[in-house]
PDB file of N, CA and C in Angstrom:
ATOM      1  N   MET A   1       0.863  -1.275  -0.205  1.00  0.00           N
ATOM      2  CA  MET A   1      -0.421  -0.020  -0.004  1.00  0.00           C
ATOM      3  C   MET A   1       1.198   1.117   0.191  1.00  0.00           C
ATOM      4  N   SER A   2       1.015   2.182  -1.019  1.00  0.00           N
ATOM      5  CA  SER A   2       1.160   3.521  -0.591  1.00  0.00           C
ATOM      6  C   SER A   2       0.837   4.369  -0.158  1.00  0.00           C
ATOM      7  N   PHE A   3       1.662   5.438   0.789  1.00  0.00           N
ATOM      8  CA  PHE A   3       0.740   6.373   1.522  1.00  0.00           C
ATOM      9  C   PHE A   3       1.201   7.698   0.980  1.00  0.00           C
ATOM     10  N   LEU A   4       0.759   8.299   1.613  1.00  0.00           N
ATOM     11  CA  LEU A   4       0.843  10.117   0.804  1.00  0.00           C
ATOM     12  C   LEU A   4       1.845  10.687   1.980  1.00  0.00           C
ATOM     13  N   ALA A   5       2.798  11.250   1.125  1.00  0.00           N
ATOM     14  CA  ALA A   5       3.569  11.684   2.271  1.00  0.00           C
ATOM     15  C   ALA A   5       3.402  13.243   2.429  1.00  0.00           C
ATOM     16  N   PRO A   6       3.654  13.426   4.195  1.00  0.00           N
ATOM     17  CA  PRO A   6       3.120  14.316   4.884  1.00  0.00           C
ATOM     18  C   PRO A   6       3.103  15.938   4.092  1.00  0.00           C
ATOM     19  N   ILE A   7       2.154  16.568   4.119  1.00  0.00           N
ATOM     20  CA  ILE A   7       2.456  18.239   3.568  1.00  0.00           C
ATOM     21  C   ILE A   7       3.893  18.791   3.615  1.00  0.00           C
ATOM     22  N   SER A   8       4.697  18.609   4.757  1.00  0.00           N
ATOM     23  CA  SER A   8       5.596  19.383   4.812  1.00  0.00           C
ATOM     24  C   SER A   8       6.785  18.735   4.132  1.00  0.00           C
ATOM     25  N   SER A   9       6.680  17.707   3.704  1.00  0.00           N
ATOM     26  CA  SER A   9       7.697  17.716   2.292  1.00  0.00           C
ATOM     27  C   SER A   9       7.842  17.575   1.199  1.00  0.00           C
ATOM     28  N   VAL A  10       6.334  18.335   0.817  1.00  0.00           N
ATOM     29  CA  VAL A  10       5.918  18.149  -0.388  1.00  0.00           C
ATOM     30  C   VAL A  10       5.292  19.906  -0.645  1.00  0.00           C
ATOM     31  N   THR A  11       5.453  20.280   0.519  1.00  0.00           N
ATOM     32  CA  THR A  11       5.558  22.189  -0.117  1.00  0.00           C
ATOM     33  C   THR A  11       6.351  22.431  -1.187  1.00  0.00           C
ATOM     34  N   GLY A  12       5.646  23.538  -2.026  1.00  0.00           N
ATOM     35  CA  GLY A  12       5.802  24.095  -3.001  1.00  0.00           C
ATOM     36  C   GLY A  12       6.695  25.349  -3.064  1.00  0.00           C
ATOM     37  N   SER A  13       7.376  26.209  -3.777  1.00  0.00           N
ATOM     38  CA  SER A  13       7.659  27.028  -3.705  1.00  0.00           C
ATOM     39  C   SER A  13       7.050  28.185  -2.816  1.00  0.00           C
ATOM     40  N   GLY A  14       7.815  28.291  -1.802  1.00  0.00           N
ATOM     41  CA  GLY A  14       7.944  29.150  -0.992  1.00  0.00           C
ATOM     42  C   GLY A  14       6.693  28.822   0.323  1.00  0.00           C
ATOM     43  N   GLY A  15       6.456  27.996   0.800  1.00  0.00           N
ATOM     44  CA  GLY A  15       5.898  28.410   1.835  1.00  0.00           C
ATOM     45  C   GLY A  15       4.922  27.086   2.068  1.00  0.00           C
ATOM     46  N   ARG A  16       3.942  26.982   2.913  1.00  0.00           N
ATOM     47  CA  ARG A  16       2.924  25.886   3.509  1.00  0.00           C
ATOM     48  C   ARG A  16       1.565  26.021   2.706  1.00  0.00           C
ATOM     49  N   ARG A  17       0.924  25.050   2.306  1.00  0.00           N
ATOM     50  CA  ARG A  17      -0.352  25.105   1.972  1.00  0.00           C
ATOM     51  C   ARG A  17      -0.913  24.527   3.162  1.00  0.00           C
ATOM     52  N   GLY A  18      -1.914  24.604   2.965  1.00  0.00           N
ATOM     53  CA  GLY A  18      -3.443  24.264   3.656  1.00  0.00           C
ATOM     54  C   GLY A  18      -3.619  22.880   3.684  1.00  0.00           C
ATOM     55  N   ALA A  19      -4.983  22.521   4.951  1.00  0.00           N
ATOM     56  CA  ALA A  19      -5.163  21.024   5.035  1.00  0.00           C
ATOM     57  C   ALA A  19      -5.974  20.657   3.453  1.00  0.00           C
ATOM     58  N   ALA A  20      -6.815  21.965   3.395  1.00  0.00           N
ATOM     59  CA  ALA A  20      -7.809  21.557   2.138  1.00  0.00           C
ATOM     60  C   ALA A  20      -6.460  21.071   1.124  1.00  0.00           C
ATOM     61  N   TRP A  21      -5.330  21.637   0.867  1.00  0.00           N
ATOM     62  CA  TRP A  21      -4.755  21.247  -0.366  1.00  0.00           C
ATOM     63  C   TRP A  21      -4.391  19.877  -0.006  1.00  0.00           C
ATOM     64  N   GLN A  22      -4.153  19.305   0.975  1.00  0.00           N
ATOM     65  CA  GLN A  22      -3.845  17.968   1.397  1.00  0.00           C
ATOM     66  C   GLN A  22      -5.169  17.046   1.392  1.00  0.00           C
ATOM     67  N   ILE A  23      -6.090  17.745   1.548  1.00  0.00           N
ATOM     68  CA  ILE A  23      -7.470  16.499   1.219  1.00  0.00           C
ATOM     69  C   ILE A  23      -7.509  15.881  -0.131  1.00  0.00           C
ATOM     70  N   GLN A  24      -7.382  17.636  -0.671  1.00  0.00           N
ATOM     71  CA  GLN A  24      -7.590  17.371  -2.732  1.00  0.00           C
ATOM     72  C   GLN A  24      -6.327  16.040  -3.285  1.00  0.00           C
ATOM     73  N   LEU A  25      -5.335  15.965  -2.745  1.00  0.00           N
ATOM     74  CA  LEU A  25      -4.074  15.683  -3.054  1.00  0.00           C
ATOM     75  C   LEU A  25      -4.613  13.849  -2.676  1.00  0.00           C
ATOM     76  N   ARG A  26      -5.026  13.755  -1.695  1.00  0.00           N
ATOM     77  CA  ARG A  26      -5.894  12.226  -1.274  1.00  0.00           C
ATOM     78  C   ARG A  26      -7.076  11.812  -2.314  1.00  0.00           C
ATOM     79  N   VAL A  27      -8.117  12.956  -2.170  1.00  0.00           N
ATOM     80  CA  VAL A  27      -8.855  12.466  -3.176  1.00  0.00           C
ATOM     81  C   VAL A  27      -8.464  11.958  -4.544  1.00  0.00           C
ATOM     82  N   ASP A  28      -7.685  12.969  -4.722  1.00  0.00           N
ATOM     83  CA  ASP A  28      -7.023  12.824  -6.402  1.00  0.00           C
ATOM     84  C   ASP A  28      -6.235  11.373  -6.793  1.00  0.00           C
ATOM     85  N   PHE A  29      -5.439  11.305  -5.687  1.00  0.00           N
ATOM     86  CA  PHE A  29      -4.967   9.461  -5.555  1.00  0.00           C
ATOM     87  C   PHE A  29      -6.076   8.836  -5.643  1.00  0.00           C
ATOM     88  N   VAL A  30      -6.892   8.832  -4.596  1.00  0.00           N
ATOM     89  CA  VAL A  30      -7.763   7.906  -4.469  1.00  0.00           C
ATOM     90  C   VAL A  30      -8.744   7.633  -6.151  1.00  0.00           C
ATOM     91  N   VAL A  31      -9.383   8.898  -6.817  1.00  0.00           N
ATOM     92  CA  VAL A  31     -10.237   8.577  -7.371  1.00  0.00           C
ATOM     93  C   VAL A  31      -9.454   7.905  -8.894  1.00  0.00           C
ATOM     94  N   ASN A  32      -8.252   8.414  -8.948  1.00  0.00           N
ATOM     95  CA  ASN A  32      -6.933   7.752 -10.111  1.00  0.00           C
ATOM     96  C   ASN A  32      -6.948   6.467  -9.543  1.00  0.00           C
ATOM     97  N   LYS A  33      -6.874   6.246  -8.679  1.00  0.00           N
ATOM     98  CA  LYS A  33      -6.082   4.582  -8.074  1.00  0.00           C
ATOM     99  C   LYS A  33      -7.511   3.815  -8.763  1.00  0.00           C
ATOM    100  N   VAL A  34      -8.812   4.045  -8.271  1.00  0.00           N
ATOM    101  CA  VAL A  34     -10.226   3.159  -8.787  1.00  0.00           C
ATOM    102  C   VAL A  34     -10.969   3.390  -9.591  1.00  0.00           C
ATOM    103  N   MET A  35     -10.014   4.687 -10.756  1.00  0.00           N
ATOM    104  CA  MET A  35     -10.467   4.902 -12.296  1.00  0.00           C
ATOM    105  C   MET A  35      -9.314   3.836 -13.019  1.00  0.00           C
ATOM    106  N   GLN A  36      -8.446   3.278 -12.504  1.00  0.00           N
ATOM    107  CA  GLN A  36      -7.283   2.237 -13.043  1.00  0.00           C
ATOM    108  C   GLN A  36      -8.180   1.282 -12.811  1.00  0.00           C
ATOM    109  N   THR A  37      -9.140   0.958 -11.762  1.00  0.00           N
ATOM    110  CA  THR A  37      -9.124  -0.494 -11.348  1.00  0.00           C
ATOM    111  C   THR A  37     -10.649  -1.415 -11.205  1.00  0.00           C
ATOM    112  N   HIS A  38     -11.707   0.054 -11.450  1.00  0.00           N
ATOM    113  CA  HIS A  38     -12.854  -0.068 -11.568  1.00  0.00           C
ATOM    114  C   HIS A  38     -13.682   0.740 -12.826  1.00  0.00           C
ATOM    115  N   ARG A  39     -13.082   1.117 -13.323  1.00  0.00           N
ATOM    116  CA  ARG A  39     -13.357   1.459 -14.293  1.00  0.00           C
ATOM    117  C   ARG A  39     -14.575   0.482 -15.219  1.00  0.00           C
ATOM    118  N   GLY A  40     -15.625   1.417 -15.879  1.00  0.00           N
ATOM    119  CA  GLY A  40     -16.808   0.200 -16.899  1.00  0.00           C
ATOM    120  C   GLY A  40     -17.430  -0.727 -15.770  1.00  0.00           C
ATOM    121  N   GLN A  41     -17.266  -0.039 -14.299  1.00  0.00           N
ATOM    122  CA  GLN A  41     -18.324  -1.538 -13.749  1.00  0.00           C
ATOM    123  C   GLN A  41     -19.462  -0.374 -12.846  1.00  0.00           C
ATOM    124  N   SER A  42     -20.465  -0.872 -12.366  1.00  0.00           N
ATOM    125  CA  SER A  42     -21.787  -0.221 -12.209  1.00  0.00           C
ATOM    126  C   SER A  42     -21.287   1.185 -11.010  1.00  0.00           C
ATOM    127  N   GLN A  43     -22.049   2.130 -11.044  1.00  0.00           N
ATOM    128  CA  GLN A  43     -21.689   3.269 -10.786  1.00  0.00           C
ATOM    129  C   GLN A  43     -21.924   3.185  -8.326  1.00  0.00           C
ATOM    130  N   ASP A  44     -22.590   2.183  -8.455  1.00  0.00           N
ATOM    131  CA  ASP A  44     -23.001   1.939  -6.833  1.00  0.00           C
ATOM    132  C   ASP A  44     -21.639   1.632  -6.678  1.00  0.00           C
ATOM    133  N   LEU A  45     -20.801   0.382  -7.282  1.00  0.00           N
ATOM    134  CA  LEU A  45     -19.912  -0.079  -6.897  1.00  0.00           C
ATOM    135  C   LEU A  45     -18.674   0.782  -6.398  1.00  0.00           C
ATOM    136  N   VAL A  46     -18.342   1.724  -7.809  1.00  0.00           N
ATOM    137  CA  VAL A  46     -17.457   2.401  -7.797  1.00  0.00           C
ATOM    138  C   VAL A  46     -17.791   3.475  -6.935  1.00  0.00           C
ATOM    139  N   LYS A  47     -18.891   3.937  -6.549  1.00  0.00           N
ATOM    140  CA  LYS A  47     -18.824   4.939  -5.530  1.00  0.00           C
ATOM    141  C   LYS A  47     -18.552   4.327  -3.888  1.00  0.00           C
ATOM    142  N   GLU A  48     -19.310   2.972  -3.833  1.00  0.00           N
ATOM    143  CA  GLU A  48     -18.594   2.696  -2.320  1.00  0.00           C
ATOM    144  C   GLU A  48     -17.182   2.465  -2.334  1.00  0.00           C
ATOM    145  N   VAL A  49     -16.432   2.079  -3.126  1.00  0.00           N
ATOM    146  CA  VAL A  49     -15.087   1.843  -3.075  1.00  0.00           C
ATOM    147  C   VAL A  49     -14.450   2.912  -3.207  1.00  0.00           C
ATOM    148  N   ILE A  50     -14.736   4.205  -3.593  1.00  0.00           N
ATOM    149  CA  ILE A  50     -13.733   5.535  -3.597  1.00  0.00           C
ATOM    150  C   ILE A  50     -14.478   5.876  -1.995  1.00  0.00           C
ATOM    151  N   GLN A  51     -15.302   5.486  -1.505  1.00  0.00           N
ATOM    152  CA  GLN A  51     -15.803   6.154  -0.155  1.00  0.00           C
ATOM    153  C   GLN A  51     -14.852   5.089   0.772  1.00  0.00           C
ATOM    154  N   ASN A  52     -14.733   4.055   0.580  1.00  0.00           N
ATOM    155  CA  ASN A  52     -14.289   3.465   1.688  1.00  0.00           C
ATOM    156  C   ASN A  52     -12.681   3.342   1.511  1.00  0.00           C
ATOM    157  N   GLN A  53     -12.208   3.466   0.034  1.00  0.00           N
ATOM    158  CA  GLN A  53     -10.904   4.132   0.197  1.00  0.00           C
ATOM    159  C   GLN A  53     -10.794   5.847   0.761  1.00  0.00           C
ATOM    160  N   LEU A  54     -11.422   7.033   0.516  1.00  0.00           N
ATOM    161  CA  LEU A  54     -11.469   7.451   1.112  1.00  0.00           C
ATOM    162  C   LEU A  54     -10.972   7.813   2.954  1.00  0.00           C
ATOM    163  N   ARG A  55     -11.939   6.638   3.265  1.00  0.00           N
ATOM    164  CA  ARG A  55     -11.981   7.070   4.496  1.00  0.00           C
ATOM    165  C   ARG A  55     -10.665   6.127   5.156  1.00  0.00           C
ATOM    166  N   ILE A  56     -10.013   5.366   4.302  1.00  0.00           N
ATOM    167  CA  ILE A  56      -8.986   4.866   4.646  1.00  0.00           C
ATOM    168  C   ILE A  56      -7.861   6.111   4.880  1.00  0.00           C
ATOM    169  N   TYR A  57      -7.861   6.770   4.034  1.00  0.00           N
ATOM    170  CA  TYR A  57      -6.565   8.004   4.034  1.00  0.00           C
ATOM    171  C   TYR A  57      -7.234   8.975   5.256  1.00  0.00           C
ATOM    172  N   GLY A  58      -8.310   8.698   5.603  1.00  0.00           N
ATOM    173  CA  GLY A  58      -9.244  10.042   6.466  1.00  0.00           C
ATOM    174  C   GLY A  58      -9.834  11.074   5.701  1.00  0.00           C
ATOM    175  N   VAL A  59     -10.335  11.255   5.064  1.00  0.00           N
ATOM    176  CA  VAL A  59     -10.851  11.738   4.200  1.00  0.00           C
ATOM    177  C   VAL A  59     -12.769  11.767   4.384  1.00  0.00           C
ATOM    178  N   VAL A  60     -13.392  12.778   4.937  1.00  0.00           N
ATOM    179  CA  VAL A  60     -14.588  12.927   4.975  1.00  0.00           C
ATOM    180  C   VAL A  60     -14.798  12.717   3.626  1.00  0.00           C
ATOM    181  N   PRO A  61     -16.054  11.679   2.935  1.00  0.00           N
ATOM    182  CA  PRO A  61     -16.109  11.328   1.644  1.00  0.00           C
ATOM    183  C   PRO A  61     -17.595  13.159   1.376  1.00  0.00           C
ATOM    184  N   ASN A  62     -17.391  14.074   0.173  1.00  0.00           N
ATOM    185  CA  ASN A  62     -18.757  14.320  -0.151  1.00  0.00           C
ATOM    186  C   ASN A  62     -19.058  13.912  -0.847  1.00  0.00           C
ATOM    187  N   VAL A  63     -20.807  13.292  -0.580  1.00  0.00           N
ATOM    188  CA  VAL A  63     -21.556  12.782  -1.528  1.00  0.00           C
ATOM    189  C   VAL A  63     -21.554  13.069  -2.735  1.00  0.00           C
ATOM    190  N   ARG A  64     -21.828  14.180  -2.860  1.00  0.00           N
ATOM    191  CA  ARG A  64     -22.135  14.488  -3.908  1.00  0.00           C
ATOM    192  C   ARG A  64     -21.228  14.572  -5.218  1.00  0.00           C
ATOM    193  N   GLN A  65     -19.628  15.082  -4.571  1.00  0.00           N
ATOM    194  CA  GLN A  65     -18.225  14.827  -5.469  1.00  0.00           C
ATOM    195  C   GLN A  65     -17.702  13.505  -5.666  1.00  0.00           C
ATOM    196  N   VAL A  66     -18.664  12.210  -4.666  1.00  0.00           N
ATOM    197  CA  VAL A  66     -18.081  11.260  -5.347  1.00  0.00           C
ATOM    198  C   VAL A  66     -18.843  10.692  -6.002  1.00  0.00           C
ATOM    199  N   ALA A  67     -20.443  10.969  -5.899  1.00  0.00           N
ATOM    200  CA  ALA A  67     -21.236  10.591  -6.860  1.00  0.00           C
ATOM    201  C   ALA A  67     -20.906  10.972  -8.389  1.00  0.00           C
ATOM    202  N   GLN A  68     -20.187  11.948  -8.242  1.00  0.00           N
ATOM    203  CA  GLN A  68     -19.965  12.640  -9.656  1.00  0.00           C
ATOM    204  C   GLN A  68     -18.934  12.285 -10.678  1.00  0.00           C
ATOM    205  N   TYR A  69     -17.520  11.387  -9.351  1.00  0.00           N
ATOM    206  CA  TYR A  69     -16.646  10.781 -10.329  1.00  0.00           C
ATOM    207  C   TYR A  69     -16.781   9.385 -10.294  1.00  0.00           C
ATOM    208  N   ALA A  70     -17.926   9.179  -9.487  1.00  0.00           N
ATOM    209  CA  ALA A  70     -18.276   7.277  -9.958  1.00  0.00           C
ATOM    210  C   ALA A  70     -18.925   7.209 -11.153  1.00  0.00           C
ATOM    211  N   SER A  71     -19.994   8.421 -11.438  1.00  0.00           N
ATOM    212  CA  SER A  71     -20.769   8.527 -12.953  1.00  0.00           C
ATOM    213  C   SER A  71     -19.373   8.633 -13.825  1.00  0.00           C
ATOM    214  N   ALA A  72     -18.814   9.489 -13.563  1.00  0.00           N
ATOM    215  CA  ALA A  72     -17.597   9.402 -14.858  1.00  0.00           C
ATOM    216  C   ALA A  72     -16.608   7.977 -15.075  1.00  0.00           C
ATOM    217  N   ILE A  73     -16.837   7.601 -14.117  1.00  0.00           N
ATOM    218  CA  ILE A  73     -15.482   6.222 -13.899  1.00  0.00           C
ATOM    219  C   ILE A  73     -16.396   5.250 -14.227  1.00  0.00           C
ATOM    220  N   SER A  74     -17.699   5.137 -13.892  1.00  0.00           N
ATOM    221  CA  SER A  74     -18.486   3.734 -14.492  1.00  0.00           C
ATOM    222  C   SER A  74     -18.985   4.411 -15.725  1.00  0.00           C
ATOM    223  N   SER A  75     -19.020   5.139 -16.341  1.00  0.00           N
ATOM    224  CA  SER A  75     -18.928   5.651 -18.232  1.00  0.00           C
ATOM    225  C   SER A  75     -17.937   4.898 -18.709  1.00  0.00           C
ATOM    226  N   LEU A  76     -16.544   4.971 -17.962  1.00  0.00           N
ATOM    227  CA  LEU A  76     -15.648   4.813 -19.018  1.00  0.00           C
ATOM    228  C   LEU A  76     -15.377   2.863 -19.619  1.00  0.00           C
ATOM    229  N   PRO A  77     -14.817   3.016 -20.614  1.00  0.00           N
ATOM    230  CA  PRO A  77     -14.935   1.296 -21.203  1.00  0.00           C
ATOM    231  C   PRO A  77     -13.954   1.054 -20.227  1.00  0.00           C
ATOM    232  N   PRO A  78     -14.158  -0.315 -19.980  1.00  0.00           N
ATOM    233  CA  PRO A  78     -13.286  -0.860 -19.024  1.00  0.00           C
ATOM    234  C   PRO A  78     -12.172  -1.827 -19.553  1.00  0.00           C
ATOM    235  N   ASN A  79     -11.118  -1.771 -17.942  1.00  0.00           N
ATOM    236  CA  ASN A  79      -9.687  -2.150 -18.683  1.00  0.00           C
ATOM    237  C   ASN A  79      -9.519  -3.513 -19.596  1.00  0.00           C
ATOM    238  N   GLY A  80      -8.637  -3.687 -20.395  1.00  0.00           N
ATOM    239  CA  GLY A  80      -8.807  -5.068 -20.895  1.00  0.00           C
ATOM    240  C   GLY A  80      -8.375  -4.894 -22.437  1.00  0.00           C
TER     241      GLY A  80
END
């Protein structure tokens, strides 16, 4: 399992970034991971996987945002 680096090690040009930035990085990471493994599958399954993965990384899922990501991922052609 890969872990995200703490925000102190990935700060860019001149300063610290807020917690919202780190949360968005975690959301992006999870969505990209789920997109690779669950594309073309049912929207409900994709939504559940995204929510579970976000909770693992300590992110409280935004229901509306997760639904949008799930819809987009389920509409992609399956890998293979």
